[in-house]
Amino acid sequence: MITEQNIRDAIEKAVDDFDAGAIASGEDFFDAGLDSLDHAGILLAIQEDCGLTVPDEAVDDCRSIDGILAYAKANA
């Protein structure tokens, strides 16, 4: 099961010099200052670390920690 901490760890792994603890769980990654390459890196890190693959059609639903958790729960 993927957790909020797994996602925060993936953010830290994928994005240099970004404090994953500073982002609210419901905050859109883009509003937090992350860009599309950061977002892709986060999803790749989650796939590598947790085995969660997000298909292209679901990427926009996974633009926050809460979004990724909801996607993971719905697709467990």
N, C-alpha and C. Protein backbone atom coordinates (compact mmCIF):
# COMPACT_ATOMS: atom_id res chain seq x y z
N MET A 1 0.85 -1.18 0.00
CA MET A 1 0.00 0.00 0.00
C MET A 1 0.89 1.24 0.00
N ILE A 2 0.58 2.17 -0.86
CA ILE A 2 1.33 3.41 -0.95
C ILE A 2 0.85 4.38 0.13
N THR A 3 1.77 5.09 0.72
CA THR A 3 1.44 6.03 1.80
C THR A 3 1.86 7.45 1.41
N GLU A 4 1.39 8.39 2.20
CA GLU A 4 1.78 9.78 1.98
C GLU A 4 3.30 9.92 2.10
N GLN A 5 3.89 9.20 3.04
CA GLN A 5 5.34 9.28 3.21
C GLN A 5 6.06 8.73 1.99
N ASN A 6 5.54 7.66 1.38
CA ASN A 6 6.14 7.13 0.14
C ASN A 6 6.18 8.21 -0.94
N ILE A 7 5.10 8.96 -1.04
CA ILE A 7 5.02 10.00 -2.06
C ILE A 7 5.98 11.14 -1.74
N ARG A 8 6.04 11.54 -0.48
CA ARG A 8 6.97 12.60 -0.09
C ARG A 8 8.42 12.15 -0.34
N ASP A 9 8.71 10.90 -0.08
CA ASP A 9 10.05 10.37 -0.36
C ASP A 9 10.34 10.41 -1.86
N ALA A 10 9.34 10.09 -2.68
CA ALA A 10 9.50 10.13 -4.14
C ALA A 10 9.74 11.57 -4.62
N ILE A 11 9.06 12.53 -4.00
CA ILE A 11 9.27 13.93 -4.36
C ILE A 11 10.71 14.33 -4.05
N GLU A 12 11.18 13.96 -2.85
CA GLU A 12 12.56 14.26 -2.46
C GLU A 12 13.57 13.61 -3.41
N LYS A 13 13.26 12.40 -3.84
CA LYS A 13 14.15 11.66 -4.75
C LYS A 13 14.17 12.30 -6.14
N ALA A 14 13.01 12.75 -6.60
CA ALA A 14 12.88 13.22 -7.98
C ALA A 14 13.24 14.69 -8.18
N VAL A 15 13.10 15.50 -7.13
CA VAL A 15 13.26 16.95 -7.30
C VAL A 15 14.37 17.44 -6.36
N ASP A 16 15.44 17.93 -6.95
CA ASP A 16 16.54 18.47 -6.17
C ASP A 16 16.13 19.75 -5.45
N ASP A 17 16.60 19.91 -4.24
CA ASP A 17 16.40 21.13 -3.46
C ASP A 17 14.93 21.51 -3.29
N PHE A 18 14.08 20.53 -3.05
CA PHE A 18 12.67 20.80 -2.80
C PHE A 18 12.29 20.10 -1.51
N ASP A 19 11.70 20.84 -0.59
CA ASP A 19 11.28 20.29 0.69
C ASP A 19 9.89 19.69 0.56
N ALA A 20 9.82 18.38 0.43
CA ALA A 20 8.54 17.70 0.25
C ALA A 20 7.63 17.86 1.47
N GLY A 21 8.21 18.15 2.61
CA GLY A 21 7.42 18.35 3.82
C GLY A 21 6.66 19.67 3.80
N ALA A 22 7.04 20.58 2.91
CA ALA A 22 6.41 21.89 2.86
C ALA A 22 5.15 21.91 2.00
N ILE A 23 4.93 20.87 1.23
CA ILE A 23 3.76 20.84 0.35
C ILE A 23 2.58 20.22 1.10
N ALA A 24 1.42 20.88 1.02
CA ALA A 24 0.21 20.35 1.63
C ALA A 24 -0.27 19.15 0.82
N SER A 25 -0.89 18.20 1.47
CA SER A 25 -1.26 16.97 0.77
C SER A 25 -2.25 17.21 -0.37
N GLY A 26 -3.07 18.24 -0.28
CA GLY A 26 -4.04 18.54 -1.34
C GLY A 26 -3.56 19.58 -2.33
N GLU A 27 -2.37 20.11 -2.12
CA GLU A 27 -1.84 21.18 -2.98
C GLU A 27 -1.39 20.62 -4.32
N ASP A 28 -1.82 21.29 -5.39
CA ASP A 28 -1.40 20.91 -6.74
C ASP A 28 0.10 21.12 -6.86
N PHE A 29 0.79 20.14 -7.43
CA PHE A 29 2.24 20.23 -7.57
C PHE A 29 2.66 21.50 -8.30
N PHE A 30 1.90 21.91 -9.31
CA PHE A 30 2.26 23.10 -10.07
C PHE A 30 2.12 24.36 -9.23
N ASP A 31 1.11 24.40 -8.37
CA ASP A 31 0.95 25.54 -7.45
C ASP A 31 2.07 25.59 -6.42
N ALA A 32 2.68 24.44 -6.15
CA ALA A 32 3.78 24.36 -5.18
C ALA A 32 5.12 24.71 -5.82
N GLY A 33 5.13 25.01 -7.12
CA GLY A 33 6.36 25.40 -7.79
C GLY A 33 7.04 24.29 -8.57
N LEU A 34 6.40 23.15 -8.68
CA LEU A 34 6.96 22.06 -9.46
C LEU A 34 6.46 22.17 -10.90
N ASP A 35 7.26 21.70 -11.84
CA ASP A 35 6.85 21.77 -13.24
C ASP A 35 6.52 20.37 -13.77
N SER A 36 6.22 20.29 -15.06
CA SER A 36 5.78 19.02 -15.64
C SER A 36 6.90 17.98 -15.62
N LEU A 37 8.15 18.39 -15.76
CA LEU A 37 9.26 17.44 -15.67
C LEU A 37 9.40 16.90 -14.24
N ASP A 38 9.22 17.78 -13.27
CA ASP A 38 9.24 17.34 -11.87
C ASP A 38 8.12 16.32 -11.63
N HIS A 39 6.93 16.63 -12.15
CA HIS A 39 5.77 15.75 -11.98
C HIS A 39 6.05 14.38 -12.59
N ALA A 40 6.60 14.37 -13.79
CA ALA A 40 6.95 13.10 -14.44
C ALA A 40 7.98 12.33 -13.61
N GLY A 41 8.97 13.03 -13.07
CA GLY A 41 9.98 12.39 -12.24
C GLY A 41 9.39 11.81 -10.96
N ILE A 42 8.44 12.52 -10.38
CA ILE A 42 7.78 12.03 -9.16
C ILE A 42 7.02 10.74 -9.47
N LEU A 43 6.26 10.74 -10.56
CA LEU A 43 5.50 9.54 -10.91
C LEU A 43 6.43 8.37 -11.25
N LEU A 44 7.55 8.66 -11.88
CA LEU A 44 8.53 7.61 -12.18
C LEU A 44 9.13 7.06 -10.89
N ALA A 45 9.47 7.93 -9.95
CA ALA A 45 10.03 7.49 -8.67
C ALA A 45 9.02 6.64 -7.90
N ILE A 46 7.75 7.02 -7.95
CA ILE A 46 6.71 6.23 -7.29
C ILE A 46 6.59 4.86 -7.94
N GLN A 47 6.68 4.83 -9.27
CA GLN A 47 6.63 3.55 -9.97
C GLN A 47 7.80 2.66 -9.55
N GLU A 48 9.00 3.24 -9.52
CA GLU A 48 10.19 2.47 -9.15
C GLU A 48 10.15 2.00 -7.70
N ASP A 49 9.72 2.88 -6.81
CA ASP A 49 9.77 2.57 -5.38
C ASP A 49 8.56 1.80 -4.86
N CYS A 50 7.39 2.03 -5.47
CA CYS A 50 6.16 1.46 -4.94
C CYS A 50 5.43 0.54 -5.92
N GLY A 51 5.86 0.54 -7.17
CA GLY A 51 5.21 -0.30 -8.17
C GLY A 51 3.91 0.24 -8.72
N LEU A 52 3.59 1.51 -8.43
CA LEU A 52 2.36 2.11 -8.94
C LEU A 52 2.63 2.76 -10.28
N THR A 53 1.97 2.26 -11.32
CA THR A 53 2.09 2.84 -12.65
C THR A 53 0.85 3.68 -12.92
N VAL A 54 1.07 4.92 -13.33
CA VAL A 54 -0.03 5.83 -13.64
C VAL A 54 -0.07 5.99 -15.16
N PRO A 55 -1.13 5.51 -15.81
CA PRO A 55 -1.22 5.65 -17.26
C PRO A 55 -1.44 7.10 -17.66
N ASP A 56 -1.13 7.41 -18.91
CA ASP A 56 -1.23 8.79 -19.41
C ASP A 56 -2.57 9.43 -19.12
N GLU A 57 -3.65 8.67 -19.26
CA GLU A 57 -4.98 9.25 -19.08
C GLU A 57 -5.29 9.59 -17.61
N ALA A 58 -4.47 9.13 -16.68
CA ALA A 58 -4.71 9.41 -15.27
C ALA A 58 -3.69 10.38 -14.67
N VAL A 59 -2.74 10.83 -15.46
CA VAL A 59 -1.68 11.71 -14.95
C VAL A 59 -2.24 12.98 -14.34
N ASP A 60 -3.23 13.60 -14.99
CA ASP A 60 -3.79 14.85 -14.46
C ASP A 60 -4.50 14.65 -13.13
N ASP A 61 -4.97 13.44 -12.85
CA ASP A 61 -5.62 13.15 -11.57
C ASP A 61 -4.60 12.99 -10.45
N CYS A 62 -3.34 12.89 -10.80
CA CYS A 62 -2.26 12.62 -9.83
C CYS A 62 -1.32 13.80 -9.69
N ARG A 63 -1.90 15.01 -9.61
CA ARG A 63 -1.08 16.22 -9.52
C ARG A 63 -0.96 16.73 -8.09
N SER A 64 -1.28 15.88 -7.13
CA SER A 64 -1.11 16.22 -5.72
C SER A 64 -0.89 14.91 -4.96
N ILE A 65 -0.45 15.04 -3.73
CA ILE A 65 -0.28 13.85 -2.90
C ILE A 65 -1.61 13.15 -2.72
N ASP A 66 -2.65 13.91 -2.41
CA ASP A 66 -3.98 13.33 -2.25
C ASP A 66 -4.47 12.66 -3.52
N GLY A 67 -4.19 13.28 -4.67
CA GLY A 67 -4.60 12.70 -5.95
C GLY A 67 -3.94 11.37 -6.21
N ILE A 68 -2.65 11.28 -5.90
CA ILE A 68 -1.93 10.02 -6.09
C ILE A 68 -2.47 8.96 -5.13
N LEU A 69 -2.72 9.34 -3.88
CA LEU A 69 -3.27 8.38 -2.92
C LEU A 69 -4.64 7.88 -3.37
N ALA A 70 -5.49 8.79 -3.86
CA ALA A 70 -6.83 8.39 -4.32
C ALA A 70 -6.73 7.47 -5.53
N TYR A 71 -5.82 7.78 -6.46
CA TYR A 71 -5.62 6.92 -7.63
C TYR A 71 -5.15 5.53 -7.19
N ALA A 72 -4.19 5.50 -6.28
CA ALA A 72 -3.64 4.22 -5.82
C ALA A 72 -4.73 3.39 -5.14
N LYS A 73 -5.56 4.04 -4.32
CA LYS A 73 -6.63 3.32 -3.62
C LYS A 73 -7.65 2.77 -4.61
N ALA A 74 -8.02 3.57 -5.60
CA ALA A 74 -9.01 3.15 -6.58
C ALA A 74 -8.51 2.06 -7.50
N ASN A 75 -7.20 1.94 -7.62
CA ASN A 75 -6.60 0.99 -8.55
C ASN A 75 -5.75 -0.08 -7.86
N ALA A 76 -6.05 -0.32 -6.60
CA ALA A 76 -5.29 -1.32 -5.83
C ALA A 76 -5.67 -2.72 -6.21
